[in-house]
PDB file of N, CA and C in Angstrom:
ATOM      1  N   UNK A   1       0.846  -1.171   0.000  1.00  0.00           N
ATOM      2  CA  UNK A   1       0.000   0.000   0.000  1.00  0.00           C
ATOM      3  C   UNK A   1       0.891   1.233   0.000  1.00  0.00           C
ATOM      4  N   UNK A   2       0.605   2.161  -0.896  1.00  0.00           N
ATOM      5  CA  UNK A   2       1.418   3.363  -1.028  1.00  0.00           C
ATOM      6  C   UNK A   2       1.279   4.300   0.150  1.00  0.00           C
ATOM      7  N   UNK A   3       2.346   5.030   0.408  1.00  0.00           N
ATOM      8  CA  UNK A   3       2.368   5.977   1.532  1.00  0.00           C
ATOM      9  C   UNK A   3       1.285   7.044   1.390  1.00  0.00           C
ATOM     10  N   UNK A   4       1.021   7.507   0.172  1.00  0.00           N
ATOM     11  CA  UNK A   4       0.039   8.572  -0.046  1.00  0.00           C
ATOM     12  C   UNK A   4      -1.341   8.052  -0.407  1.00  0.00           C
ATOM     13  N   UNK A   5      -1.544   6.763  -0.343  1.00  0.00           N
ATOM     14  CA  UNK A   5      -2.831   6.171  -0.681  1.00  0.00           C
ATOM     15  C   UNK A   5      -3.862   6.501   0.395  1.00  0.00           C
ATOM     16  N   UNK A   6      -5.054   6.854  -0.035  1.00  0.00           N
ATOM     17  CA  UNK A   6      -6.139   7.133   0.894  1.00  0.00           C
ATOM     18  C   UNK A   6      -6.761   5.806   1.301  1.00  0.00           C
ATOM     19  N   UNK A   7      -6.770   5.536   2.614  1.00  0.00           N
ATOM     20  CA  UNK A   7      -7.316   4.269   3.091  1.00  0.00           C
ATOM     21  C   UNK A   7      -8.560   4.514   3.929  1.00  0.00           C
ATOM     22  N   UNK A   8      -9.416   3.503   3.923  1.00  0.00           N
ATOM     23  CA  UNK A   8     -10.648   3.612   4.678  1.00  0.00           C
ATOM     24  C   UNK A   8     -11.060   2.274   5.249  1.00  0.00           C
ATOM     25  N   UNK A   9     -11.999   2.352   6.167  1.00  0.00           N
ATOM     26  CA  UNK A   9     -12.679   1.185   6.700  1.00  0.00           C
ATOM     27  C   UNK A   9     -14.162   1.440   6.513  1.00  0.00           C
ATOM     28  N   UNK A  10     -14.939   0.369   6.501  1.00  0.00           N
ATOM     29  CA  UNK A  10     -16.383   0.545   6.349  1.00  0.00           C
ATOM     30  C   UNK A  10     -17.107  -0.221   7.444  1.00  0.00           C
ATOM     31  N   UNK A  11     -18.294   0.259   7.758  1.00  0.00           N
ATOM     32  CA  UNK A  11     -19.109  -0.360   8.804  1.00  0.00           C
ATOM     33  C   UNK A  11     -20.552  -0.460   8.320  1.00  0.00           C
ATOM     34  N   UNK A  12     -21.134  -1.628   8.475  1.00  0.00           N
ATOM     35  CA  UNK A  12     -22.547  -1.835   8.158  1.00  0.00           C
ATOM     36  C   UNK A  12     -23.217  -2.608   9.274  1.00  0.00           C
ATOM     37  N   UNK A  13     -24.515  -2.394   9.396  1.00  0.00           N
ATOM     38  CA  UNK A  13     -25.292  -3.116  10.413  1.00  0.00           C
ATOM     39  C   UNK A  13     -26.580  -3.596   9.780  1.00  0.00           C
ATOM     40  N   UNK A  14     -26.935  -4.825  10.060  1.00  0.00           N
ATOM     41  CA  UNK A  14     -28.155  -5.397   9.515  1.00  0.00           C
ATOM     42  C   UNK A  14     -29.360  -4.543   9.849  1.00  0.00           C
ATOM     43  N   UNK A  15     -30.205  -4.335   8.854  1.00  0.00           N
ATOM     44  CA  UNK A  15     -31.376  -3.491   9.041  1.00  0.00           C
ATOM     45  C   UNK A  15     -32.481  -3.957   8.122  1.00  0.00           C
ATOM     46  N   UNK A  16     -33.695  -3.981   8.622  1.00  0.00           N
ATOM     47  CA  UNK A  16     -34.837  -4.321   7.782  1.00  0.00           C
ATOM     48  C   UNK A  16     -35.426  -3.087   7.118  1.00  0.00           C
ATOM     49  N   UNK A  17     -34.882  -1.928   7.398  1.00  0.00           N
ATOM     50  CA  UNK A  17     -35.428  -0.678   6.885  1.00  0.00           C
ATOM     51  C   UNK A  17     -34.795  -0.250   5.565  1.00  0.00           C
ATOM     52  N   UNK A  18     -33.856  -1.009   5.049  1.00  0.00           N
ATOM     53  CA  UNK A  18     -33.208  -0.665   3.790  1.00  0.00           C
ATOM     54  C   UNK A  18     -33.846  -1.502   2.689  1.00  0.00           C
ATOM     55  N   UNK A  19     -34.714  -0.897   1.944  1.00  0.00           N
ATOM     56  CA  UNK A  19     -35.366  -1.524   0.798  1.00  0.00           C
ATOM     57  C   UNK A  19     -36.045  -2.845   1.139  1.00  0.00           C
ATOM     58  N   UNK A  20     -36.454  -3.054   2.382  1.00  0.00           N
ATOM     59  CA  UNK A  20     -37.125  -4.282   2.781  1.00  0.00           C
ATOM     60  C   UNK A  20     -36.246  -5.517   2.733  1.00  0.00           C
ATOM     61  N   UNK A  21     -34.944  -5.338   2.738  1.00  0.00           N
ATOM     62  CA  UNK A  21     -34.013  -6.461   2.664  1.00  0.00           C
ATOM     63  C   UNK A  21     -33.824  -7.096   4.032  1.00  0.00           C
ATOM     64  N   UNK A  22     -33.449  -8.366   4.045  1.00  0.00           N
ATOM     65  CA  UNK A  22     -33.134  -9.019   5.313  1.00  0.00           C
ATOM     66  C   UNK A  22     -31.844  -8.430   5.873  1.00  0.00           C
ATOM     67  N   UNK A  23     -31.523  -8.758   7.111  1.00  0.00           N
ATOM     68  CA  UNK A  23     -30.334  -8.207   7.755  1.00  0.00           C
ATOM     69  C   UNK A  23     -29.064  -8.386   6.949  1.00  0.00           C
ATOM     70  N   UNK A  24     -28.771  -9.643   6.528  1.00  0.00           N
ATOM     71  CA  UNK A  24     -27.526  -9.895   5.795  1.00  0.00           C
ATOM     72  C   UNK A  24     -27.583  -9.280   4.399  1.00  0.00           C
ATOM     73  N   UNK A  25     -28.769  -9.295   3.760  1.00  0.00           N
ATOM     74  CA  UNK A  25     -28.904  -8.659   2.444  1.00  0.00           C
ATOM     75  C   UNK A  25     -28.672  -7.156   2.545  1.00  0.00           C
ATOM     76  N   UNK A  26     -29.159  -6.553   3.620  1.00  0.00           N
ATOM     77  CA  UNK A  26     -28.974  -5.109   3.773  1.00  0.00           C
ATOM     78  C   UNK A  26     -27.501  -4.773   4.006  1.00  0.00           C
ATOM     79  N   UNK A  27     -26.774  -5.648   4.691  1.00  0.00           N
ATOM     80  CA  UNK A  27     -25.337  -5.430   4.893  1.00  0.00           C
ATOM     81  C   UNK A  27     -24.610  -5.477   3.551  1.00  0.00           C
ATOM     82  N   UNK A  28     -24.944  -6.464   2.729  1.00  0.00           N
ATOM     83  CA  UNK A  28     -24.328  -6.548   1.394  1.00  0.00           C
ATOM     84  C   UNK A  28     -24.646  -5.297   0.577  1.00  0.00           C
ATOM     85  N   UNK A  29     -25.891  -4.846   0.649  1.00  0.00           N
ATOM     86  CA  UNK A  29     -26.288  -3.639  -0.081  1.00  0.00           C
ATOM     87  C   UNK A  29     -25.495  -2.424   0.426  1.00  0.00           C
ATOM     88  N   UNK A  30     -25.406  -2.265   1.748  1.00  0.00           N
ATOM     89  CA  UNK A  30     -24.670  -1.137   2.325  1.00  0.00           C
ATOM     90  C   UNK A  30     -23.221  -1.136   1.854  1.00  0.00           C
ATOM     91  N   UNK A  31     -22.572  -2.301   1.907  1.00  0.00           N
ATOM     92  CA  UNK A  31     -21.174  -2.368   1.491  1.00  0.00           C
ATOM     93  C   UNK A  31     -21.018  -2.124  -0.011  1.00  0.00           C
ATOM     94  N   UNK A  32     -22.000  -2.525  -0.813  1.00  0.00           N
ATOM     95  CA  UNK A  32     -21.888  -2.251  -2.254  1.00  0.00           C
ATOM     96  C   UNK A  32     -21.983  -0.756  -2.525  1.00  0.00           C
ATOM     97  N   UNK A  33     -22.866  -0.049  -1.818  1.00  0.00           N
ATOM     98  CA  UNK A  33     -22.974   1.406  -1.973  1.00  0.00           C
ATOM     99  C   UNK A  33     -21.695   2.086  -1.476  1.00  0.00           C
ATOM    100  N   UNK A  34     -21.181   1.634  -0.350  1.00  0.00           N
ATOM    101  CA  UNK A  34     -19.936   2.180   0.202  1.00  0.00           C
ATOM    102  C   UNK A  34     -18.773   1.932  -0.765  1.00  0.00           C
ATOM    103  N   UNK A  35     -18.690   0.722  -1.310  1.00  0.00           N
ATOM    104  CA  UNK A  35     -17.614   0.395  -2.253  1.00  0.00           C
ATOM    105  C   UNK A  35     -17.680   1.274  -3.488  1.00  0.00           C
ATOM    106  N   UNK A  36     -18.877   1.534  -3.973  1.00  0.00           N
ATOM    107  CA  UNK A  36     -19.032   2.409  -5.138  1.00  0.00           C
ATOM    108  C   UNK A  36     -18.517   3.814  -4.817  1.00  0.00           C
ATOM    109  N   UNK A  37     -18.907   4.340  -3.655  1.00  0.00           N
ATOM    110  CA  UNK A  37     -18.428   5.657  -3.225  1.00  0.00           C
ATOM    111  C   UNK A  37     -16.908   5.657  -3.106  1.00  0.00           C
ATOM    112  N   UNK A  38     -16.358   4.636  -2.466  1.00  0.00           N
ATOM    113  CA  UNK A  38     -14.907   4.552  -2.274  1.00  0.00           C
ATOM    114  C   UNK A  38     -14.193   4.522  -3.625  1.00  0.00           C
ATOM    115  N   UNK A  39     -14.710   3.761  -4.559  1.00  0.00           N
ATOM    116  CA  UNK A  39     -14.101   3.695  -5.882  1.00  0.00           C
ATOM    117  C   UNK A  39     -14.108   5.029  -6.602  1.00  0.00           C
ATOM    118  N   UNK A  40     -15.204   5.759  -6.464  1.00  0.00           N
ATOM    119  CA  UNK A  40     -15.318   7.074  -7.107  1.00  0.00           C
ATOM    120  C   UNK A  40     -14.379   8.098  -6.488  1.00  0.00           C
ATOM    121  N   UNK A  41     -13.953   7.867  -5.245  1.00  0.00           N
ATOM    122  CA  UNK A  41     -13.117   8.834  -4.530  1.00  0.00           C
ATOM    123  C   UNK A  41     -11.715   8.294  -4.220  1.00  0.00           C
ATOM    124  N   UNK A  42     -11.330   7.226  -4.902  1.00  0.00           N
ATOM    125  CA  UNK A  42      -9.987   6.637  -4.752  1.00  0.00           C
ATOM    126  C   UNK A  42      -9.629   6.310  -3.309  1.00  0.00           C
ATOM    127  N   UNK A  43     -10.587   5.730  -2.600  1.00  0.00           N
ATOM    128  CA  UNK A  43     -10.370   5.291  -1.223  1.00  0.00           C
ATOM    129  C   UNK A  43     -10.257   3.772  -1.246  1.00  0.00           C
ATOM    130  N   UNK A  44      -9.174   3.247  -0.704  1.00  0.00           N
ATOM    131  CA  UNK A  44      -8.981   1.807  -0.619  1.00  0.00           C
ATOM    132  C   UNK A  44      -9.509   1.322   0.720  1.00  0.00           C
ATOM    133  N   UNK A  45     -10.529   0.473   0.690  1.00  0.00           N
ATOM    134  CA  UNK A  45     -11.093  -0.088   1.921  1.00  0.00           C
ATOM    135  C   UNK A  45     -10.177  -1.224   2.377  1.00  0.00           C
ATOM    136  N   UNK A  46      -9.589  -1.065   3.557  1.00  0.00           N
ATOM    137  CA  UNK A  46      -8.670  -2.083   4.067  1.00  0.00           C
ATOM    138  C   UNK A  46      -9.349  -3.045   5.041  1.00  0.00           C
ATOM    139  N   UNK A  47     -10.518  -2.665   5.551  1.00  0.00           N
ATOM    140  CA  UNK A  47     -11.235  -3.529   6.483  1.00  0.00           C
ATOM    141  C   UNK A  47     -12.717  -3.197   6.429  1.00  0.00           C
ATOM    142  N   UNK A  48     -13.545  -4.246   6.386  1.00  0.00           N
ATOM    143  CA  UNK A  48     -15.004  -4.092   6.413  1.00  0.00           C
ATOM    144  C   UNK A  48     -15.518  -4.710   7.709  1.00  0.00           C
ATOM    145  N   UNK A  49     -16.322  -3.959   8.407  1.00  0.00           N
ATOM    146  CA  UNK A  49     -16.932  -4.439   9.643  1.00  0.00           C
ATOM    147  C   UNK A  49     -18.440  -4.489   9.439  1.00  0.00           C
ATOM    148  N   UNK A  50     -19.092  -5.464  10.051  1.00  0.00           N
ATOM    149  CA  UNK A  50     -20.551  -5.472  10.014  1.00  0.00           C
ATOM    150  C   UNK A  50     -21.116  -6.237  11.205  1.00  0.00           C
ATOM    151  N   UNK A  51     -22.196  -5.680  11.709  1.00  0.00           N
ATOM    152  CA  UNK A  51     -22.970  -6.298  12.788  1.00  0.00           C
ATOM    153  C   UNK A  51     -24.257  -6.803  12.158  1.00  0.00           C
ATOM    154  N   UNK A  52     -24.442  -8.109  12.138  1.00  0.00           N
ATOM    155  CA  UNK A  52     -25.619  -8.668  11.509  1.00  0.00           C
ATOM    156  C   UNK A  52     -26.813  -8.799  12.419  1.00  0.00           C
ATOM    157  N   UNK A  53     -26.589  -9.095  13.664  1.00  0.00           N
ATOM    158  CA  UNK A  53     -27.696  -9.414  14.572  1.00  0.00           C
ATOM    159  C   UNK A  53     -27.847  -8.430  15.710  1.00  0.00           C
ATOM    160  N   UNK A  54     -27.359  -7.238  15.536  1.00  0.00           N
ATOM    161  CA  UNK A  54     -27.303  -6.317  16.654  1.00  0.00           C
ATOM    162  C   UNK A  54     -28.307  -5.186  16.503  1.00  0.00           C
ATOM    163  N   UNK A  55     -29.007  -4.901  17.537  1.00  0.00           N
ATOM    164  CA  UNK A  55     -29.944  -3.788  17.535  1.00  0.00           C
ATOM    165  C   UNK A  55     -29.199  -2.466  17.602  1.00  0.00           C
ATOM    166  N   UNK A  56     -29.715  -1.475  16.895  1.00  0.00           N
ATOM    167  CA  UNK A  56     -29.122  -0.147  16.939  1.00  0.00           C
ATOM    168  C   UNK A  56     -29.280   0.518  18.289  1.00  0.00           C
ATOM    169  N   UNK A  57     -30.148  -0.024  19.134  1.00  0.00           N
ATOM    170  CA  UNK A  57     -30.331   0.536  20.473  1.00  0.00           C
ATOM    171  C   UNK A  57     -29.147   0.212  21.382  1.00  0.00           C
ATOM    172  N   UNK A  58     -28.319  -0.738  20.965  1.00  0.00           N
ATOM    173  CA  UNK A  58     -27.206  -1.196  21.786  1.00  0.00           C
ATOM    174  C   UNK A  58     -25.899  -0.681  21.200  1.00  0.00           C
ATOM    175  N   UNK A  59     -25.427   0.459  21.681  1.00  0.00           N
ATOM    176  CA  UNK A  59     -24.218   1.084  21.126  1.00  0.00           C
ATOM    177  C   UNK A  59     -22.954   0.330  21.493  1.00  0.00           C
ATOM    178  N   UNK A  60     -23.051  -0.695  22.331  1.00  0.00           N
ATOM    179  CA  UNK A  60     -21.849  -1.416  22.723  1.00  0.00           C
ATOM    180  C   UNK A  60     -21.705  -2.731  21.961  1.00  0.00           C
ATOM    181  N   UNK A  61     -22.370  -2.873  20.812  1.00  0.00           N
ATOM    182  CA  UNK A  61     -22.256  -4.145  20.102  1.00  0.00           C
ATOM    183  C   UNK A  61     -20.804  -4.462  19.788  1.00  0.00           C
ATOM    184  N   UNK A  62     -20.513  -5.753  19.786  1.00  0.00           N
ATOM    185  CA  UNK A  62     -19.127  -6.220  19.787  1.00  0.00           C
ATOM    186  C   UNK A  62     -18.341  -5.849  18.534  1.00  0.00           C
ATOM    187  N   UNK A  63     -18.935  -5.850  17.354  1.00  0.00           N
ATOM    188  CA  UNK A  63     -18.170  -5.529  16.140  1.00  0.00           C
ATOM    189  C   UNK A  63     -17.803  -4.053  16.112  1.00  0.00           C
ATOM    190  N   UNK A  64     -18.718  -3.189  16.506  1.00  0.00           N
ATOM    191  CA  UNK A  64     -18.415  -1.761  16.575  1.00  0.00           C
ATOM    192  C   UNK A  64     -17.289  -1.508  17.578  1.00  0.00           C
ATOM    193  N   UNK A  65     -17.334  -2.185  18.713  1.00  0.00           N
ATOM    194  CA  UNK A  65     -16.270  -2.040  19.713  1.00  0.00           C
ATOM    195  C   UNK A  65     -14.935  -2.570  19.185  1.00  0.00           C
ATOM    196  N   UNK A  66     -14.976  -3.694  18.437  1.00  0.00           N
ATOM    197  CA  UNK A  66     -13.742  -4.221  17.843  1.00  0.00           C
ATOM    198  C   UNK A  66     -13.169  -3.230  16.831  1.00  0.00           C
ATOM    199  N   UNK A  67     -14.040  -2.590  16.036  1.00  0.00           N
ATOM    200  CA  UNK A  67     -13.582  -1.598  15.078  1.00  0.00           C
ATOM    201  C   UNK A  67     -12.880  -0.451  15.805  1.00  0.00           C
ATOM    202  N   UNK A  68     -13.466   0.023  16.889  1.00  0.00           N
ATOM    203  CA  UNK A  68     -12.854   1.098  17.665  1.00  0.00           C
ATOM    204  C   UNK A  68     -11.490   0.664  18.215  1.00  0.00           C
ATOM    205  N   UNK A  69     -11.398  -0.565  18.720  1.00  0.00           N
ATOM    206  CA  UNK A  69     -10.115  -1.062  19.233  1.00  0.00           C
ATOM    207  C   UNK A  69      -9.087  -1.164  18.109  1.00  0.00           C
ATOM    208  N   UNK A  70      -9.518  -1.624  16.931  1.00  0.00           N
ATOM    209  CA  UNK A  70      -8.599  -1.756  15.798  1.00  0.00           C
ATOM    210  C   UNK A  70      -8.038  -0.403  15.367  1.00  0.00           C
ATOM    211  N   UNK A  71      -8.893   0.616  15.274  1.00  0.00           N
ATOM    212  CA  UNK A  71      -8.382   1.916  14.815  1.00  0.00           C
ATOM    213  C   UNK A  71      -7.491   2.561  15.875  1.00  0.00           C
ATOM    214  N   UNK A  72      -7.755   2.284  17.142  1.00  0.00           N
ATOM    215  CA  UNK A  72      -6.881   2.807  18.206  1.00  0.00           C
ATOM    216  C   UNK A  72      -5.481   2.220  18.107  1.00  0.00           C
ATOM    217  N   UNK A  73      -5.382   0.963  17.695  1.00  0.00           N
ATOM    218  CA  UNK A  73      -4.086   0.285  17.675  1.00  0.00           C
ATOM    219  C   UNK A  73      -3.434   0.279  16.292  1.00  0.00           C
ATOM    220  N   UNK A  74      -4.041   0.889  15.311  1.00  0.00           N
ATOM    221  CA  UNK A  74      -3.521   0.900  13.942  1.00  0.00           C
ATOM    222  C   UNK A  74      -2.234   1.726  13.873  1.00  0.00           C
ATOM    223  N   UNK A  75      -1.210   1.177  13.221  1.00  0.00           N
ATOM    224  CA  UNK A  75       0.060   1.892  13.061  1.00  0.00           C
ATOM    225  C   UNK A  75      -0.074   3.114  12.158  1.00  0.00           C
ATOM    226  N   UNK A  76      -0.901   3.013  11.146  1.00  0.00           N
ATOM    227  CA  UNK A  76      -1.117   4.116  10.211  1.00  0.00           C
ATOM    228  C   UNK A  76      -2.529   4.644  10.408  1.00  0.00           C
ATOM    229  N   UNK A  77      -2.674   5.957  10.572  1.00  0.00           N
ATOM    230  CA  UNK A  77      -4.031   6.504  10.738  1.00  0.00           C
ATOM    231  C   UNK A  77      -4.913   6.172   9.536  1.00  0.00           C
ATOM    232  N   UNK A  78      -6.168   5.927   9.810  1.00  0.00           N
ATOM    233  CA  UNK A  78      -7.152   5.652   8.767  1.00  0.00           C
ATOM    234  C   UNK A  78      -7.706   6.991   8.298  1.00  0.00           C
ATOM    235  N   UNK A  79      -7.804   7.145   6.982  1.00  0.00           N
ATOM    236  CA  UNK A  79      -8.313   8.399   6.429  1.00  0.00           C
ATOM    237  C   UNK A  79      -9.827   8.508   6.538  1.00  0.00           C
ATOM    238  N   UNK A  80     -10.547   7.400   6.298  1.00  0.00           N
ATOM    239  CA  UNK A  80     -12.010   7.428   6.264  1.00  0.00           C
ATOM    240  C   UNK A  80     -12.627   6.261   7.008  1.00  0.00           C
ATOM    241  N   UNK A  81     -13.696   6.547   7.738  1.00  0.00           N
ATOM    242  CA  UNK A  81     -14.671   5.540   8.150  1.00  0.00           C
ATOM    243  C   UNK A  81     -15.896   5.837   7.303  1.00  0.00           C
ATOM    244  N   UNK A  82     -16.285   4.886   6.486  1.00  0.00           N
ATOM    245  CA  UNK A  82     -17.461   5.050   5.636  1.00  0.00           C
ATOM    246  C   UNK A  82     -18.566   4.141   6.151  1.00  0.00           C
ATOM    247  N   UNK A  83     -19.751   4.687   6.262  1.00  0.00           N
ATOM    248  CA  UNK A  83     -20.899   3.872   6.614  1.00  0.00           C
ATOM    249  C   UNK A  83     -22.092   4.352   5.804  1.00  0.00           C
ATOM    250  N   UNK A  84     -23.096   3.503   5.681  1.00  0.00           N
ATOM    251  CA  UNK A  84     -24.208   3.776   4.785  1.00  0.00           C
ATOM    252  C   UNK A  84     -25.084   4.924   5.285  1.00  0.00           C
ATOM    253  N   UNK A  85     -25.505   4.849   6.525  1.00  0.00           N
ATOM    254  CA  UNK A  85     -26.446   5.839   7.065  1.00  0.00           C
ATOM    255  C   UNK A  85     -26.180   6.059   8.548  1.00  0.00           C
ATOM    256  N   UNK A  86     -26.444   7.267   8.995  1.00  0.00           N
ATOM    257  CA  UNK A  86     -26.225   7.613  10.401  1.00  0.00           C
ATOM    258  C   UNK A  86     -26.956   6.649  11.330  1.00  0.00           C
ATOM    259  N   UNK A  87     -28.164   6.228  10.954  1.00  0.00           N
ATOM    260  CA  UNK A  87     -28.909   5.342  11.851  1.00  0.00           C
ATOM    261  C   UNK A  87     -28.336   3.929  11.899  1.00  0.00           C
ATOM    262  N   UNK A  88     -27.332   3.626  11.083  1.00  0.00           N
ATOM    263  CA  UNK A  88     -26.695   2.317  11.156  1.00  0.00           C
ATOM    264  C   UNK A  88     -25.708   2.224  12.311  1.00  0.00           C
ATOM    265  N   UNK A  89     -25.274   3.344  12.848  1.00  0.00           N
ATOM    266  CA  UNK A  89     -24.403   3.311  14.022  1.00  0.00           C
ATOM    267  C   UNK A  89     -25.209   3.015  15.278  1.00  0.00           C
ATOM    268  N   UNK A  90     -26.355   3.616  15.411  1.00  0.00           N
ATOM    269  CA  UNK A  90     -27.205   3.440  16.574  1.00  0.00           C
ATOM    270  C   UNK A  90     -28.529   4.136  16.341  1.00  0.00           C
ATOM    271  N   UNK A  91     -29.419   4.022  17.278  1.00  0.00           N
ATOM    272  CA  UNK A  91     -30.759   4.568  17.090  1.00  0.00           C
ATOM    273  C   UNK A  91     -30.984   5.944  17.721  1.00  0.00           C
ATOM    274  N   UNK A  92     -30.033   6.418  18.524  1.00  0.00           N
ATOM    275  CA  UNK A  92     -30.258   7.709  19.139  1.00  0.00           C
ATOM    276  C   UNK A  92     -29.128   8.673  18.813  1.00  0.00           C
ATOM    277  N   UNK A  93     -29.451   9.938  18.716  1.00  0.00           N
ATOM    278  CA  UNK A  93     -28.506  10.971  18.311  1.00  0.00           C
ATOM    279  C   UNK A  93     -27.320  11.049  19.259  1.00  0.00           C
ATOM    280  N   UNK A  94     -27.587  11.012  20.540  1.00  0.00           N
ATOM    281  CA  UNK A  94     -26.516  11.129  21.531  1.00  0.00           C
ATOM    282  C   UNK A  94     -25.510   9.992  21.404  1.00  0.00           C
ATOM    283  N   UNK A  95     -26.005   8.766  21.240  1.00  0.00           N
ATOM    284  CA  UNK A  95     -25.120   7.616  21.072  1.00  0.00           C
ATOM    285  C   UNK A  95     -24.304   7.717  19.800  1.00  0.00           C
ATOM    286  N   UNK A  96     -24.955   8.135  18.696  1.00  0.00           N
ATOM    287  CA  UNK A  96     -24.252   8.294  17.423  1.00  0.00           C
ATOM    288  C   UNK A  96     -23.164   9.350  17.532  1.00  0.00           C
ATOM    289  N   UNK A  97     -23.486  10.461  18.169  1.00  0.00           N
ATOM    290  CA  UNK A  97     -22.519  11.545  18.331  1.00  0.00           C
ATOM    291  C   UNK A  97     -21.318  11.079  19.155  1.00  0.00           C
ATOM    292  N   UNK A  98     -21.581  10.295  20.196  1.00  0.00           N
ATOM    293  CA  UNK A  98     -20.497   9.765  21.018  1.00  0.00           C
ATOM    294  C   UNK A  98     -19.577   8.851  20.223  1.00  0.00           C
ATOM    295  N   UNK A  99     -20.160   7.982  19.387  1.00  0.00           N
ATOM    296  CA  UNK A  99     -19.364   7.070  18.565  1.00  0.00           C
ATOM    297  C   UNK A  99     -18.517   7.857  17.572  1.00  0.00           C
ATOM    298  N   UNK A 100     -19.147   8.823  16.883  1.00  0.00           N
ATOM    299  CA  UNK A 100     -18.428   9.629  15.889  1.00  0.00           C
ATOM    300  C   UNK A 100     -17.314  10.423  16.558  1.00  0.00           C
ATOM    301  N   UNK A 101     -17.594  10.999  17.711  1.00  0.00           N
ATOM    302  CA  UNK A 101     -16.577  11.774  18.429  1.00  0.00           C
ATOM    303  C   UNK A 101     -15.417  10.883  18.856  1.00  0.00           C
ATOM    304  N   UNK A 102     -15.724   9.706  19.374  1.00  0.00           N
ATOM    305  CA  UNK A 102     -14.668   8.795  19.821  1.00  0.00           C
ATOM    306  C   UNK A 102     -13.799   8.338  18.655  1.00  0.00           C
ATOM    307  N   UNK A 103     -14.413   7.931  17.565  1.00  0.00           N
ATOM    308  CA  UNK A 103     -13.630   7.408  16.441  1.00  0.00           C
ATOM    309  C   UNK A 103     -12.882   8.510  15.705  1.00  0.00           C
ATOM    310  N   UNK A 104     -13.355   9.744  15.788  1.00  0.00           N
ATOM    311  CA  UNK A 104     -12.681  10.839  15.080  1.00  0.00           C
ATOM    312  C   UNK A 104     -11.293  11.139  15.666  1.00  0.00           C
ATOM    313  N   UNK A 105     -11.001  10.604  16.858  1.00  0.00           N
ATOM    314  CA  UNK A 105      -9.644  10.727  17.409  1.00  0.00           C
ATOM    315  C   UNK A 105      -8.651   9.878  16.614  1.00  0.00           C
ATOM    316  N   UNK A 106      -9.163   8.897  15.850  1.00  0.00           N
ATOM    317  CA  UNK A 106      -8.307   7.935  15.161  1.00  0.00           C
ATOM    318  C   UNK A 106      -8.520   7.897  13.645  1.00  0.00           C
ATOM    319  N   UNK A 107      -9.582   8.510  13.172  1.00  0.00           N
ATOM    320  CA  UNK A 107      -9.938   8.512  11.754  1.00  0.00           C
ATOM    321  C   UNK A 107     -10.108   9.967  11.327  1.00  0.00           C
ATOM    322  N   UNK A 108      -9.488  10.341  10.209  1.00  0.00           N
ATOM    323  CA  UNK A 108      -9.548  11.731   9.765  1.00  0.00           C
ATOM    324  C   UNK A 108     -10.959  12.182   9.393  1.00  0.00           C
ATOM    325  N   UNK A 109     -11.696  11.343   8.656  1.00  0.00           N
ATOM    326  CA  UNK A 109     -13.016  11.726   8.163  1.00  0.00           C
ATOM    327  C   UNK A 109     -14.001  10.588   8.391  1.00  0.00           C
ATOM    328  N   UNK A 110     -15.122  10.901   9.020  1.00  0.00           N
ATOM    329  CA  UNK A 110     -16.226   9.969   9.196  1.00  0.00           C
ATOM    330  C   UNK A 110     -17.310  10.416   8.227  1.00  0.00           C
ATOM    331  N   UNK A 111     -17.782   9.490   7.365  1.00  0.00           N
ATOM    332  CA  UNK A 111     -18.684   9.890   6.287  1.00  0.00           C
ATOM    333  C   UNK A 111     -19.846   8.920   6.139  1.00  0.00           C
ATOM    334  N   UNK A 112     -21.055   9.472   6.130  1.00  0.00           N
ATOM    335  CA  UNK A 112     -22.268   8.717   5.860  1.00  0.00           C
ATOM    336  C   UNK A 112     -22.626   8.907   4.390  1.00  0.00           C
ATOM    337  N   UNK A 113     -22.604   7.818   3.627  1.00  0.00           N
ATOM    338  CA  UNK A 113     -22.824   7.883   2.187  1.00  0.00           C
ATOM    339  C   UNK A 113     -24.247   8.339   1.858  1.00  0.00           C
ATOM    340  N   UNK A 114     -25.253   7.826   2.555  1.00  0.00           N
ATOM    341  CA  UNK A 114     -26.639   8.175   2.253  1.00  0.00           C
ATOM    342  C   UNK A 114     -26.942   9.655   2.513  1.00  0.00           C
ATOM    343  N   UNK A 115     -26.622  10.118   3.692  1.00  0.00           N
ATOM    344  CA  UNK A 115     -26.918  11.519   4.046  1.00  0.00           C
ATOM    345  C   UNK A 115     -25.853  12.508   3.579  1.00  0.00           C
ATOM    346  N   UNK A 116     -24.724  11.988   3.117  1.00  0.00           N
ATOM    347  CA  UNK A 116     -23.580  12.809   2.745  1.00  0.00           C
ATOM    348  C   UNK A 116     -23.149  13.692   3.912  1.00  0.00           C
ATOM    349  N   UNK A 117     -23.177  13.066   5.091  1.00  0.00           N
ATOM    350  CA  UNK A 117     -22.783  13.713   6.337  1.00  0.00           C
ATOM    351  C   UNK A 117     -21.293  13.478   6.546  1.00  0.00           C
ATOM    352  N   UNK A 118     -20.536  14.548   6.740  1.00  0.00           N
ATOM    353  CA  UNK A 118     -19.096  14.460   6.938  1.00  0.00           C
ATOM    354  C   UNK A 118     -18.734  15.041   8.292  1.00  0.00           C
ATOM    355  N   UNK A 119     -17.897  14.306   9.026  1.00  0.00           N
ATOM    356  CA  UNK A 119     -17.327  14.815  10.266  1.00  0.00           C
ATOM    357  C   UNK A 119     -15.831  14.655  10.146  1.00  0.00           C
ATOM    358  N   UNK A 120     -15.115  15.770  10.222  1.00  0.00           N
ATOM    359  CA  UNK A 120     -13.648  15.737  10.107  1.00  0.00           C
ATOM    360  C   UNK A 120     -13.039  16.097  11.454  1.00  0.00           C
ATOM    361  N   UNK A 121     -11.980  15.383  11.790  1.00  0.00           N
ATOM    362  CA  UNK A 121     -11.312  15.659  13.064  1.00  0.00           C
ATOM    363  C   UNK A 121     -10.296  16.774  12.901  1.00  0.00           C
TER     364      UNK A 121
END
């Protein structure tokens, strides 16, 4: 991987609210939309995370926590965390804001593809 290459990670969570798809189908759909965005913006996704069976009401789900631990211990800072929609992180604004604030210490840009919401550290 080149020194100047833009790298990213992606996060998806199973949801029945995305086009009526099942949890795993919605995760595949989310990652396909994220991959398309990444390709258009020359972002190389180095790791994909997804929670298939986790409620958005539970901000401590294990895959999200593993992602946070991984970015904390990463030797090279991650340029982007890409996710499909803000509500895929959690169901409440306060919880989402806490997650975005925490991860922004380790990721330069947090971006929601659907809402085109950008948070830069």
